[in-house]
Amino acid sequence: MIPQFEFAVFVWTSYAIFAIIVAWQIFQPILRRRRLEAEIREELALSQGEYSNDPHP
């Protein structure tokens, strides 16, 4: 048996974990920015009196 294949599972698993972490590091700030922008828009609407929970104004 080729000695390199003995460790293939460990190597590919580490590559997969690395890729997941890198993807999360890219994706998570995008989600955080969208959430913060929505909060800012909501606070702005509340301060200007444009936001209402009443479905029938």
PDB file of N, CA and C in Angstrom:
ATOM      1  N   MET A   1       0.847  -1.180   0.000  1.00  0.00           N
ATOM      2  CA  MET A   1       0.000   0.000   0.000  1.00  0.00           C
ATOM      3  C   MET A   1       0.891   1.242   0.000  1.00  0.00           C
ATOM      4  N   ILE A   2       0.432   2.260  -0.683  1.00  0.00           N
ATOM      5  CA  ILE A   2       1.184   3.506  -0.748  1.00  0.00           C
ATOM      6  C   ILE A   2       1.042   4.223   0.601  1.00  0.00           C
ATOM      7  N   PRO A   3       2.148   4.630   1.223  1.00  0.00           N
ATOM      8  CA  PRO A   3       2.065   5.227   2.552  1.00  0.00           C
ATOM      9  C   PRO A   3       1.270   6.537   2.608  1.00  0.00           C
ATOM     10  N   GLN A   4       1.231   7.302   1.528  1.00  0.00           N
ATOM     11  CA  GLN A   4       0.526   8.581   1.550  1.00  0.00           C
ATOM     12  C   GLN A   4      -0.983   8.402   1.705  1.00  0.00           C
ATOM     13  N   PHE A   5      -1.528   7.291   1.246  1.00  0.00           N
ATOM     14  CA  PHE A   5      -2.964   7.072   1.320  1.00  0.00           C
ATOM     15  C   PHE A   5      -3.435   6.769   2.733  1.00  0.00           C
ATOM     16  N   GLU A   6      -2.525   6.426   3.623  1.00  0.00           N
ATOM     17  CA  GLU A   6      -2.921   6.141   4.997  1.00  0.00           C
ATOM     18  C   GLU A   6      -3.440   7.393   5.686  1.00  0.00           C
ATOM     19  N   PHE A   7      -2.921   8.532   5.302  1.00  0.00           N
ATOM     20  CA  PHE A   7      -3.279   9.791   5.947  1.00  0.00           C
ATOM     21  C   PHE A   7      -4.237  10.637   5.127  1.00  0.00           C
ATOM     22  N   ALA A   8      -4.731  10.103   4.039  1.00  0.00           N
ATOM     23  CA  ALA A   8      -5.601  10.879   3.147  1.00  0.00           C
ATOM     24  C   ALA A   8      -6.860  11.361   3.857  1.00  0.00           C
ATOM     25  N   VAL A   9      -7.452  10.540   4.693  1.00  0.00           N
ATOM     26  CA  VAL A   9      -8.672  10.931   5.400  1.00  0.00           C
ATOM     27  C   VAL A   9      -8.397  12.139   6.290  1.00  0.00           C
ATOM     28  N   PHE A  10      -7.284  12.120   6.990  1.00  0.00           N
ATOM     29  CA  PHE A  10      -6.951  13.224   7.880  1.00  0.00           C
ATOM     30  C   PHE A  10      -6.653  14.499   7.096  1.00  0.00           C
ATOM     31  N   VAL A  11      -5.952  14.370   5.990  1.00  0.00           N
ATOM     32  CA  VAL A  11      -5.600  15.529   5.183  1.00  0.00           C
ATOM     33  C   VAL A  11      -6.843  16.152   4.562  1.00  0.00           C
ATOM     34  N   TRP A  12      -7.702  15.345   3.939  1.00  0.00           N
ATOM     35  CA  TRP A  12      -8.899  15.888   3.302  1.00  0.00           C
ATOM     36  C   TRP A  12      -9.892  16.418   4.324  1.00  0.00           C
ATOM     37  N   THR A  13      -9.940  15.803   5.499  1.00  0.00           N
ATOM     38  CA  THR A  13     -10.799  16.325   6.554  1.00  0.00           C
ATOM     39  C   THR A  13     -10.308  17.690   7.014  1.00  0.00           C
ATOM     40  N   SER A  14      -9.005  17.845   7.158  1.00  0.00           N
ATOM     41  CA  SER A  14      -8.467  19.141   7.571  1.00  0.00           C
ATOM     42  C   SER A  14      -8.701  20.191   6.495  1.00  0.00           C
ATOM     43  N   TYR A  15      -8.582  19.821   5.227  1.00  0.00           N
ATOM     44  CA  TYR A  15      -8.891  20.760   4.138  1.00  0.00           C
ATOM     45  C   TYR A  15     -10.364  21.184   4.192  1.00  0.00           C
ATOM     46  N   ALA A  16     -11.248  20.238   4.439  1.00  0.00           N
ATOM     47  CA  ALA A  16     -12.679  20.544   4.499  1.00  0.00           C
ATOM     48  C   ALA A  16     -12.989  21.471   5.671  1.00  0.00           C
ATOM     49  N   ILE A  17     -12.400  21.197   6.831  1.00  0.00           N
ATOM     50  CA  ILE A  17     -12.618  22.063   7.992  1.00  0.00           C
ATOM     51  C   ILE A  17     -12.092  23.464   7.710  1.00  0.00           C
ATOM     52  N   PHE A  18     -10.921  23.547   7.099  1.00  0.00           N
ATOM     53  CA  PHE A  18     -10.346  24.844   6.743  1.00  0.00           C
ATOM     54  C   PHE A  18     -11.264  25.611   5.790  1.00  0.00           C
ATOM     55  N   ALA A  19     -11.797  24.938   4.783  1.00  0.00           N
ATOM     56  CA  ALA A  19     -12.683  25.590   3.812  1.00  0.00           C
ATOM     57  C   ALA A  19     -13.967  26.079   4.480  1.00  0.00           C
ATOM     58  N   ILE A  20     -14.499  25.292   5.399  1.00  0.00           N
ATOM     59  CA  ILE A  20     -15.715  25.707   6.105  1.00  0.00           C
ATOM     60  C   ILE A  20     -15.435  26.945   6.953  1.00  0.00           C
ATOM     61  N   ILE A  21     -14.311  26.969   7.629  1.00  0.00           N
ATOM     62  CA  ILE A  21     -13.971  28.118   8.469  1.00  0.00           C
ATOM     63  C   ILE A  21     -13.751  29.366   7.618  1.00  0.00           C
ATOM     64  N   VAL A  22     -13.064  29.234   6.498  1.00  0.00           N
ATOM     65  CA  VAL A  22     -12.836  30.383   5.622  1.00  0.00           C
ATOM     66  C   VAL A  22     -14.159  30.892   5.062  1.00  0.00           C
ATOM     67  N   ALA A  23     -15.035  29.987   4.652  1.00  0.00           N
ATOM     68  CA  ALA A  23     -16.339  30.397   4.133  1.00  0.00           C
ATOM     69  C   ALA A  23     -17.136  31.122   5.216  1.00  0.00           C
ATOM     70  N   TRP A  24     -17.093  30.627   6.440  1.00  0.00           N
ATOM     71  CA  TRP A  24     -17.806  31.271   7.532  1.00  0.00           C
ATOM     72  C   TRP A  24     -17.230  32.655   7.809  1.00  0.00           C
ATOM     73  N   GLN A  25     -15.920  32.808   7.732  1.00  0.00           N
ATOM     74  CA  GLN A  25     -15.282  34.099   7.960  1.00  0.00           C
ATOM     75  C   GLN A  25     -15.679  35.119   6.887  1.00  0.00           C
ATOM     76  N   ILE A  26     -16.024  34.664   5.714  1.00  0.00           N
ATOM     77  CA  ILE A  26     -16.479  35.560   4.650  1.00  0.00           C
ATOM     78  C   ILE A  26     -17.973  35.849   4.796  1.00  0.00           C
ATOM     79  N   PHE A  27     -18.750  34.822   5.125  1.00  0.00           N
ATOM     80  CA  PHE A  27     -20.209  34.928   5.140  1.00  0.00           C
ATOM     81  C   PHE A  27     -20.746  35.652   6.377  1.00  0.00           C
ATOM     82  N   GLN A  28     -20.136  35.437   7.527  1.00  0.00           N
ATOM     83  CA  GLN A  28     -20.634  35.991   8.780  1.00  0.00           C
ATOM     84  C   GLN A  28     -20.626  37.516   8.819  1.00  0.00           C
ATOM     85  N   PRO A  29     -19.592  38.215   8.369  1.00  0.00           N
ATOM     86  CA  PRO A  29     -19.664  39.683   8.366  1.00  0.00           C
ATOM     87  C   PRO A  29     -20.749  40.237   7.436  1.00  0.00           C
ATOM     88  N   ILE A  30     -21.034  39.540   6.347  1.00  0.00           N
ATOM     89  CA  ILE A  30     -22.097  39.971   5.436  1.00  0.00           C
ATOM     90  C   ILE A  30     -23.437  39.914   6.161  1.00  0.00           C
ATOM     91  N   LEU A  31     -23.686  38.824   6.878  1.00  0.00           N
ATOM     92  CA  LEU A  31     -24.924  38.702   7.653  1.00  0.00           C
ATOM     93  C   LEU A  31     -25.003  39.767   8.741  1.00  0.00           C
ATOM     94  N   ARG A  32     -23.893  40.006   9.412  1.00  0.00           N
ATOM     95  CA  ARG A  32     -23.880  40.998  10.478  1.00  0.00           C
ATOM     96  C   ARG A  32     -24.164  42.387   9.923  1.00  0.00           C
ATOM     97  N   ARG A  33     -23.602  42.709   8.771  1.00  0.00           N
ATOM     98  CA  ARG A  33     -23.837  44.021   8.168  1.00  0.00           C
ATOM     99  C   ARG A  33     -25.308  44.201   7.802  1.00  0.00           C
ATOM    100  N   ARG A  34     -25.915  43.179   7.195  1.00  0.00           N
ATOM    101  CA  ARG A  34     -27.336  43.263   6.839  1.00  0.00           C
ATOM    102  C   ARG A  34     -28.204  43.462   8.070  1.00  0.00           C
ATOM    103  N   ARG A  35     -27.887  42.740   9.145  1.00  0.00           N
ATOM    104  CA  ARG A  35     -28.655  42.857  10.379  1.00  0.00           C
ATOM    105  C   ARG A  35     -28.510  44.264  10.969  1.00  0.00           C
ATOM    106  N   LEU A  36     -27.290  44.799  10.987  1.00  0.00           N
ATOM    107  CA  LEU A  36     -27.078  46.135  11.516  1.00  0.00           C
ATOM    108  C   LEU A  36     -27.773  47.202  10.677  1.00  0.00           C
ATOM    109  N   GLU A  37     -27.728  47.051   9.357  1.00  0.00           N
ATOM    110  CA  GLU A  37     -28.419  48.011   8.490  1.00  0.00           C
ATOM    111  C   GLU A  37     -29.927  47.982   8.733  1.00  0.00           C
ATOM    112  N   ALA A  38     -30.487  46.807   8.928  1.00  0.00           N
ATOM    113  CA  ALA A  38     -31.924  46.702   9.209  1.00  0.00           C
ATOM    114  C   ALA A  38     -32.261  47.351  10.547  1.00  0.00           C
ATOM    115  N   GLU A  39     -31.408  47.158  11.548  1.00  0.00           N
ATOM    116  CA  GLU A  39     -31.645  47.783  12.847  1.00  0.00           C
ATOM    117  C   GLU A  39     -31.567  49.304  12.748  1.00  0.00           C
ATOM    118  N   ILE A  40     -30.606  49.805  11.994  1.00  0.00           N
ATOM    119  CA  ILE A  40     -30.466  51.257  11.828  1.00  0.00           C
ATOM    120  C   ILE A  40     -31.680  51.828  11.106  1.00  0.00           C
ATOM    121  N   ARG A  41     -32.140  51.139  10.046  1.00  0.00           N
ATOM    122  CA  ARG A  41     -33.339  51.594   9.333  1.00  0.00           C
ATOM    123  C   ARG A  41     -34.559  51.613  10.247  1.00  0.00           C
ATOM    124  N   GLU A  42     -34.690  50.591  11.081  1.00  0.00           N
ATOM    125  CA  GLU A  42     -35.823  50.526  11.992  1.00  0.00           C
ATOM    126  C   GLU A  42     -35.754  51.649  13.031  1.00  0.00           C
ATOM    127  N   GLU A  43     -34.578  51.877  13.592  1.00  0.00           N
ATOM    128  CA  GLU A  43     -34.435  52.961  14.568  1.00  0.00           C
ATOM    129  C   GLU A  43     -34.706  54.322  13.934  1.00  0.00           C
ATOM    130  N   LEU A  44     -34.262  54.519  12.706  1.00  0.00           N
ATOM    131  CA  LEU A  44     -34.500  55.769  12.001  1.00  0.00           C
ATOM    132  C   LEU A  44     -35.996  55.969  11.753  1.00  0.00           C
ATOM    133  N   ALA A  45     -36.687  54.908  11.339  1.00  0.00           N
ATOM    134  CA  ALA A  45     -38.122  55.001  11.104  1.00  0.00           C
ATOM    135  C   ALA A  45     -38.876  55.277  12.404  1.00  0.00           C
ATOM    136  N   LEU A  46     -38.422  54.651  13.493  1.00  0.00           N
ATOM    137  CA  LEU A  46     -39.068  54.904  14.783  1.00  0.00           C
ATOM    138  C   LEU A  46     -38.862  56.349  15.230  1.00  0.00           C
ATOM    139  N   SER A  47     -37.663  56.871  15.033  1.00  0.00           N
ATOM    140  CA  SER A  47     -37.389  58.240  15.474  1.00  0.00           C
ATOM    141  C   SER A  47     -38.125  59.269  14.623  1.00  0.00           C
ATOM    142  N   GLN A  48     -38.430  58.935  13.377  1.00  0.00           N
ATOM    143  CA  GLN A  48     -39.137  59.853  12.492  1.00  0.00           C
ATOM    144  C   GLN A  48     -40.646  59.635  12.534  1.00  0.00           C
ATOM    145  N   GLY A  49     -41.093  58.654  13.284  1.00  0.00           N
ATOM    146  CA  GLY A  49     -42.518  58.392  13.417  1.00  0.00           C
ATOM    147  C   GLY A  49     -43.123  57.707  12.215  1.00  0.00           C
ATOM    148  N   GLU A  50     -42.316  57.094  11.373  1.00  0.00           N
ATOM    149  CA  GLU A  50     -42.820  56.427  10.175  1.00  0.00           C
ATOM    150  C   GLU A  50     -43.119  54.947  10.399  1.00  0.00           C
ATOM    151  N   TYR A  51     -42.730  54.432  11.540  1.00  0.00           N
ATOM    152  CA  TYR A  51     -42.888  53.008  11.801  1.00  0.00           C
ATOM    153  C   TYR A  51     -44.072  52.792  12.736  1.00  0.00           C
ATOM    154  N   SER A  52     -44.927  51.878  12.364  1.00  0.00           N
ATOM    155  CA  SER A  52     -46.089  51.606  13.203  1.00  0.00           C
ATOM    156  C   SER A  52     -46.387  50.110  13.149  1.00  0.00           C
ATOM    157  N   ASN A  53     -46.764  49.546  14.300  1.00  0.00           N
ATOM    158  CA  ASN A  53     -47.168  48.139  14.360  1.00  0.00           C
ATOM    159  C   ASN A  53     -48.637  47.973  14.050  1.00  0.00           C
ATOM    160  N   ASP A  54     -49.383  49.057  13.972  1.00  0.00           N
ATOM    161  CA  ASP A  54     -50.811  49.019  13.717  1.00  0.00           C
ATOM    162  C   ASP A  54     -51.064  48.729  12.240  1.00  0.00           C
ATOM    163  N   PRO A  55     -51.749  47.633  11.897  1.00  0.00           N
ATOM    164  CA  PRO A  55     -51.985  47.321  10.477  1.00  0.00           C
ATOM    165  C   PRO A  55     -53.027  48.244   9.837  1.00  0.00           C
ATOM    166  N   HIS A  56     -53.850  48.910  10.652  1.00  0.00           N
ATOM    167  CA  HIS A  56     -54.886  49.815  10.130  1.00  0.00           C
ATOM    168  C   HIS A  56     -54.645  51.232  10.669  1.00  0.00           C
ATOM    169  N   PRO A  57     -53.932  52.053   9.909  1.00  0.00           N
ATOM    170  CA  PRO A  57     -53.625  53.406  10.400  1.00  0.00           C
ATOM    171  C   PRO A  57     -54.814  54.315  10.457  1.00  0.00           C
TER     172      PRO A  57
END
